[in-house]
Amino acid sequence: MLIYKIFRANEWAQMQADGQTLGAPIDLADGFVHFSSGETVQTTAALYFADADDLVLVAVEADGLDALKWEPSRGGQLFPHLFRALRMQDVVWSRPLPIVDGVHQLGDLS
């Protein structure tokens, strides 16, 4: 099962340069890397990245990912949280996440 992380372009560039990341400022503050499922990523984009451009959507395979826990968050929904650095080798794919008419264009999430 794929899970998704939304990065700002500069955060993604830094991860690529470093080979890993502990995440964005909110991830650092919370002590884990926040992810979304396919069912929650659109809402995450709308709530936390409404005015952001230059976004990158990153997919990670959750099955077998060590230090991943599913924990309740918004409205009791379960969200994947990674309790270690996200490494480039964890990434299945990445692509730009454009906004068209105020809506993030996720495309095919497979």
N, C-alpha and C. Protein backbone atom coordinates (compact mmCIF):
# COMPACT_ATOMS: atom_id res chain seq x y z
N MET A 1 0.84 -1.19 0.00
CA MET A 1 0.00 0.00 0.00
C MET A 1 0.88 1.24 0.00
N LEU A 2 0.58 2.16 -0.90
CA LEU A 2 1.34 3.40 -0.95
C LEU A 2 0.78 4.41 0.05
N ILE A 3 1.68 5.16 0.67
CA ILE A 3 1.33 6.31 1.50
C ILE A 3 2.04 7.52 0.89
N TYR A 4 1.60 8.72 1.27
CA TYR A 4 2.03 9.92 0.56
C TYR A 4 2.50 11.02 1.50
N LYS A 5 3.54 11.70 1.06
CA LYS A 5 4.09 12.85 1.76
C LYS A 5 4.12 14.02 0.78
N ILE A 6 3.65 15.16 1.23
CA ILE A 6 3.72 16.37 0.42
C ILE A 6 4.88 17.21 0.93
N PHE A 7 5.77 17.54 0.02
CA PHE A 7 6.92 18.39 0.33
C PHE A 7 6.83 19.70 -0.42
N ARG A 8 7.35 20.74 0.17
CA ARG A 8 7.64 21.95 -0.59
C ARG A 8 8.89 21.65 -1.41
N ALA A 9 9.03 22.31 -2.55
CA ALA A 9 10.13 22.00 -3.47
C ALA A 9 11.49 22.10 -2.79
N ASN A 10 11.68 23.10 -1.94
CA ASN A 10 12.98 23.24 -1.27
C ASN A 10 13.23 22.10 -0.28
N GLU A 11 12.19 21.61 0.39
CA GLU A 11 12.34 20.48 1.31
C GLU A 11 12.70 19.21 0.54
N TRP A 12 12.05 19.01 -0.61
CA TRP A 12 12.33 17.85 -1.45
C TRP A 12 13.76 17.91 -1.99
N ALA A 13 14.18 19.08 -2.43
CA ALA A 13 15.54 19.24 -2.94
C ALA A 13 16.57 18.94 -1.84
N GLN A 14 16.28 19.38 -0.62
CA GLN A 14 17.20 19.12 0.49
C GLN A 14 17.25 17.63 0.81
N MET A 15 16.11 16.96 0.76
CA MET A 15 16.10 15.51 1.01
C MET A 15 16.91 14.79 -0.05
N GLN A 16 16.74 15.17 -1.30
CA GLN A 16 17.51 14.54 -2.37
C GLN A 16 19.01 14.76 -2.17
N ALA A 17 19.38 15.94 -1.77
CA ALA A 17 20.80 16.25 -1.55
C ALA A 17 21.37 15.46 -0.37
N ASP A 18 20.58 15.34 0.70
CA ASP A 18 21.04 14.67 1.92
C ASP A 18 20.82 13.16 1.90
N GLY A 19 19.92 12.69 1.06
CA GLY A 19 19.59 11.28 1.01
C GLY A 19 18.56 10.84 2.04
N GLN A 20 18.14 11.76 2.89
CA GLN A 20 17.13 11.48 3.90
C GLN A 20 16.64 12.78 4.52
N THR A 21 15.55 12.67 5.29
CA THR A 21 15.02 13.84 5.99
C THR A 21 14.25 13.40 7.22
N LEU A 22 14.25 14.25 8.20
CA LEU A 22 13.38 14.07 9.36
C LEU A 22 12.06 14.81 9.15
N GLY A 23 11.94 15.47 7.98
CA GLY A 23 10.68 16.08 7.60
C GLY A 23 10.68 17.59 7.66
N ALA A 24 9.48 18.11 7.47
CA ALA A 24 9.22 19.55 7.50
C ALA A 24 9.18 20.03 8.95
N PRO A 25 9.10 21.34 9.16
CA PRO A 25 9.05 21.84 10.54
C PRO A 25 7.98 21.19 11.42
N ILE A 26 6.79 20.91 10.88
CA ILE A 26 5.75 20.26 11.68
C ILE A 26 6.16 18.84 12.08
N ASP A 27 6.87 18.15 11.18
CA ASP A 27 7.35 16.80 11.50
C ASP A 27 8.39 16.86 12.62
N LEU A 28 9.29 17.80 12.51
CA LEU A 28 10.32 17.96 13.54
C LEU A 28 9.69 18.28 14.89
N ALA A 29 8.70 19.14 14.90
CA ALA A 29 8.03 19.51 16.14
C ALA A 29 7.28 18.33 16.76
N ASP A 30 6.68 17.49 15.92
CA ASP A 30 5.89 16.37 16.41
C ASP A 30 6.72 15.11 16.68
N GLY A 31 7.94 15.05 16.15
CA GLY A 31 8.81 13.92 16.41
C GLY A 31 8.62 12.74 15.48
N PHE A 32 7.93 12.94 14.37
CA PHE A 32 7.74 11.89 13.37
C PHE A 32 7.40 12.53 12.03
N VAL A 33 7.57 11.75 10.96
CA VAL A 33 7.24 12.22 9.62
C VAL A 33 5.78 11.88 9.34
N HIS A 34 4.99 12.92 9.06
CA HIS A 34 3.57 12.77 8.75
C HIS A 34 3.39 12.27 7.32
N PHE A 35 2.50 11.31 7.15
CA PHE A 35 2.09 10.83 5.83
C PHE A 35 0.57 10.85 5.76
N SER A 36 0.06 10.67 4.57
CA SER A 36 -1.37 10.51 4.34
C SER A 36 -1.60 9.24 3.54
N SER A 37 -2.78 8.70 3.69
CA SER A 37 -3.19 7.57 2.86
C SER A 37 -3.78 8.12 1.56
N GLY A 38 -4.09 7.25 0.64
CA GLY A 38 -4.74 7.66 -0.60
C GLY A 38 -6.08 8.32 -0.34
N GLU A 39 -6.75 7.93 0.73
CA GLU A 39 -8.06 8.47 1.06
C GLU A 39 -7.97 9.84 1.73
N THR A 40 -6.83 10.17 2.31
CA THR A 40 -6.73 11.42 3.08
C THR A 40 -5.81 12.47 2.47
N VAL A 41 -5.05 12.11 1.45
CA VAL A 41 -4.03 13.04 0.93
C VAL A 41 -4.65 14.29 0.30
N GLN A 42 -5.79 14.18 -0.36
CA GLN A 42 -6.42 15.38 -0.95
C GLN A 42 -6.81 16.37 0.13
N THR A 43 -7.39 15.87 1.21
CA THR A 43 -7.77 16.75 2.32
C THR A 43 -6.54 17.35 2.99
N THR A 44 -5.50 16.57 3.16
CA THR A 44 -4.25 17.08 3.72
C THR A 44 -3.72 18.23 2.86
N ALA A 45 -3.72 18.04 1.56
CA ALA A 45 -3.24 19.09 0.65
C ALA A 45 -4.08 20.35 0.81
N ALA A 46 -5.40 20.20 0.86
CA ALA A 46 -6.29 21.35 0.97
C ALA A 46 -6.14 22.07 2.31
N LEU A 47 -5.99 21.31 3.39
CA LEU A 47 -5.90 21.92 4.72
C LEU A 47 -4.56 22.58 5.00
N TYR A 48 -3.48 21.95 4.58
CA TYR A 48 -2.15 22.41 5.00
C TYR A 48 -1.31 23.04 3.90
N PHE A 49 -1.76 22.92 2.65
CA PHE A 49 -0.97 23.43 1.53
C PHE A 49 -1.84 24.24 0.56
N ALA A 50 -2.91 24.83 1.05
CA ALA A 50 -3.88 25.52 0.19
C ALA A 50 -3.24 26.61 -0.66
N ASP A 51 -2.34 27.37 -0.09
CA ASP A 51 -1.75 28.50 -0.80
C ASP A 51 -0.34 28.21 -1.30
N ALA A 52 0.11 26.99 -1.17
CA ALA A 52 1.49 26.66 -1.53
C ALA A 52 1.57 26.24 -2.99
N ASP A 53 2.60 26.71 -3.65
CA ASP A 53 2.89 26.19 -4.98
C ASP A 53 4.27 25.55 -4.91
N ASP A 54 4.74 25.01 -6.00
CA ASP A 54 6.02 24.29 -6.01
C ASP A 54 6.02 23.13 -5.03
N LEU A 55 4.93 22.37 -5.04
CA LEU A 55 4.84 21.20 -4.17
C LEU A 55 5.25 19.94 -4.93
N VAL A 56 5.68 18.95 -4.15
CA VAL A 56 6.06 17.65 -4.70
C VAL A 56 5.31 16.58 -3.90
N LEU A 57 4.67 15.67 -4.62
CA LEU A 57 3.99 14.54 -3.99
C LEU A 57 4.92 13.34 -4.06
N VAL A 58 5.17 12.72 -2.92
CA VAL A 58 6.08 11.58 -2.82
C VAL A 58 5.30 10.37 -2.33
N ALA A 59 5.50 9.25 -3.00
CA ALA A 59 4.86 7.99 -2.61
C ALA A 59 5.89 7.05 -1.99
N VAL A 60 5.47 6.38 -0.92
CA VAL A 60 6.32 5.45 -0.19
C VAL A 60 5.51 4.17 0.03
N GLU A 61 6.13 3.02 -0.13
CA GLU A 61 5.48 1.74 0.14
C GLU A 61 5.43 1.52 1.65
N ALA A 62 4.22 1.43 2.19
CA ALA A 62 4.05 1.26 3.63
C ALA A 62 4.33 -0.17 4.09
N ASP A 63 4.02 -1.15 3.25
CA ASP A 63 4.20 -2.55 3.64
C ASP A 63 5.68 -2.83 3.90
N GLY A 64 5.96 -3.29 5.11
CA GLY A 64 7.32 -3.63 5.47
C GLY A 64 8.17 -2.45 5.91
N LEU A 65 7.61 -1.25 5.95
CA LEU A 65 8.38 -0.07 6.36
C LEU A 65 8.53 -0.07 7.87
N ASP A 66 9.76 -0.20 8.33
CA ASP A 66 10.00 -0.23 9.77
C ASP A 66 9.73 1.14 10.38
N ALA A 67 9.36 1.15 11.64
CA ALA A 67 9.11 2.36 12.43
C ALA A 67 7.89 3.15 11.95
N LEU A 68 6.98 2.50 11.21
CA LEU A 68 5.75 3.14 10.76
C LEU A 68 4.62 2.72 11.68
N LYS A 69 3.89 3.71 12.18
CA LYS A 69 2.73 3.44 13.03
C LYS A 69 1.54 4.19 12.47
N TRP A 70 0.39 3.54 12.51
CA TRP A 70 -0.87 4.17 12.13
C TRP A 70 -1.53 4.68 13.40
N GLU A 71 -1.76 5.98 13.46
CA GLU A 71 -2.29 6.59 14.68
C GLU A 71 -3.49 7.48 14.34
N PRO A 72 -4.44 7.58 15.27
CA PRO A 72 -5.61 8.43 15.01
C PRO A 72 -5.22 9.91 14.99
N SER A 73 -5.86 10.64 14.09
CA SER A 73 -5.65 12.08 13.99
C SER A 73 -6.99 12.71 13.62
N ARG A 74 -7.03 13.50 12.55
CA ARG A 74 -8.24 14.23 12.16
C ARG A 74 -9.49 13.36 12.23
N GLY A 75 -10.39 13.73 13.11
CA GLY A 75 -11.67 13.03 13.19
C GLY A 75 -11.55 11.55 13.52
N GLY A 76 -10.44 11.14 14.12
CA GLY A 76 -10.25 9.75 14.48
C GLY A 76 -9.72 8.88 13.35
N GLN A 77 -9.53 9.47 12.15
CA GLN A 77 -8.96 8.70 11.04
C GLN A 77 -7.53 8.29 11.38
N LEU A 78 -7.12 7.12 10.89
CA LEU A 78 -5.76 6.66 11.10
C LEU A 78 -4.84 7.24 10.04
N PHE A 79 -3.70 7.75 10.49
CA PHE A 79 -2.69 8.32 9.61
C PHE A 79 -1.36 7.62 9.86
N PRO A 80 -0.59 7.39 8.80
CA PRO A 80 0.73 6.78 8.97
C PRO A 80 1.76 7.81 9.44
N HIS A 81 2.49 7.44 10.47
CA HIS A 81 3.55 8.28 11.04
C HIS A 81 4.84 7.47 11.07
N LEU A 82 5.89 8.04 10.52
CA LEU A 82 7.19 7.36 10.45
C LEU A 82 8.09 7.90 11.55
N PHE A 83 8.53 7.01 12.44
CA PHE A 83 9.35 7.39 13.58
C PHE A 83 10.83 7.12 13.32
N ARG A 84 11.29 7.57 12.18
CA ARG A 84 12.70 7.57 11.80
C ARG A 84 12.82 8.47 10.59
N ALA A 85 14.03 8.69 10.15
CA ALA A 85 14.23 9.51 8.96
C ALA A 85 13.62 8.82 7.74
N LEU A 86 13.04 9.61 6.86
CA LEU A 86 12.59 9.13 5.57
C LEU A 86 13.80 9.13 4.65
N ARG A 87 14.07 7.99 4.04
CA ARG A 87 15.26 7.84 3.19
C ARG A 87 14.87 7.80 1.73
N MET A 88 15.76 8.25 0.89
CA MET A 88 15.50 8.23 -0.55
C MET A 88 15.16 6.82 -1.03
N GLN A 89 15.77 5.80 -0.46
CA GLN A 89 15.47 4.44 -0.89
C GLN A 89 14.06 4.00 -0.51
N ASP A 90 13.39 4.74 0.38
CA ASP A 90 12.00 4.45 0.72
C ASP A 90 11.03 4.95 -0.35
N VAL A 91 11.47 5.89 -1.16
CA VAL A 91 10.60 6.57 -2.12
C VAL A 91 10.36 5.68 -3.34
N VAL A 92 9.08 5.47 -3.67
CA VAL A 92 8.69 4.70 -4.84
C VAL A 92 8.64 5.62 -6.06
N TRP A 93 8.03 6.78 -5.90
CA TRP A 93 8.00 7.78 -6.96
C TRP A 93 7.75 9.16 -6.37
N SER A 94 8.06 10.16 -7.18
CA SER A 94 7.77 11.55 -6.82
C SER A 94 7.37 12.29 -8.08
N ARG A 95 6.56 13.34 -7.89
CA ARG A 95 6.16 14.16 -9.04
C ARG A 95 5.62 15.50 -8.53
N PRO A 96 5.61 16.49 -9.41
CA PRO A 96 5.05 17.78 -9.03
C PRO A 96 3.58 17.64 -8.64
N LEU A 97 3.14 18.50 -7.74
CA LEU A 97 1.76 18.52 -7.28
C LEU A 97 1.17 19.90 -7.59
N PRO A 98 0.70 20.08 -8.82
CA PRO A 98 0.19 21.41 -9.20
C PRO A 98 -1.19 21.68 -8.61
N ILE A 99 -1.53 22.96 -8.58
CA ILE A 99 -2.86 23.41 -8.18
C ILE A 99 -3.52 24.02 -9.42
N VAL A 100 -4.72 23.56 -9.73
CA VAL A 100 -5.49 24.10 -10.85
C VAL A 100 -6.85 24.53 -10.30
N ASP A 101 -7.16 25.79 -10.50
CA ASP A 101 -8.43 26.35 -9.99
C ASP A 101 -8.63 26.06 -8.51
N GLY A 102 -7.54 26.18 -7.74
CA GLY A 102 -7.60 26.01 -6.29
C GLY A 102 -7.63 24.58 -5.80
N VAL A 103 -7.48 23.61 -6.71
CA VAL A 103 -7.53 22.19 -6.32
C VAL A 103 -6.22 21.51 -6.69
N HIS A 104 -5.63 20.81 -5.74
CA HIS A 104 -4.41 20.04 -6.00
C HIS A 104 -4.72 18.89 -6.94
N GLN A 105 -3.89 18.74 -7.95
CA GLN A 105 -4.08 17.71 -8.97
C GLN A 105 -3.21 16.50 -8.64
N LEU A 106 -3.78 15.54 -7.93
CA LEU A 106 -3.03 14.38 -7.46
C LEU A 106 -2.71 13.40 -8.58
N GLY A 107 -3.58 13.29 -9.55
CA GLY A 107 -3.37 12.31 -10.60
C GLY A 107 -3.54 10.88 -10.08
N ASP A 108 -3.01 9.93 -10.82
CA ASP A 108 -3.08 8.52 -10.46
C ASP A 108 -2.16 8.26 -9.27
N LEU A 109 -2.68 7.73 -8.21
CA LEU A 109 -1.90 7.51 -6.99
C LEU A 109 -1.25 6.13 -6.93
N SER A 110 -1.32 5.35 -8.00
CA SER A 110 -0.72 4.01 -7.96
C SER A 110 0.74 4.06 -8.39
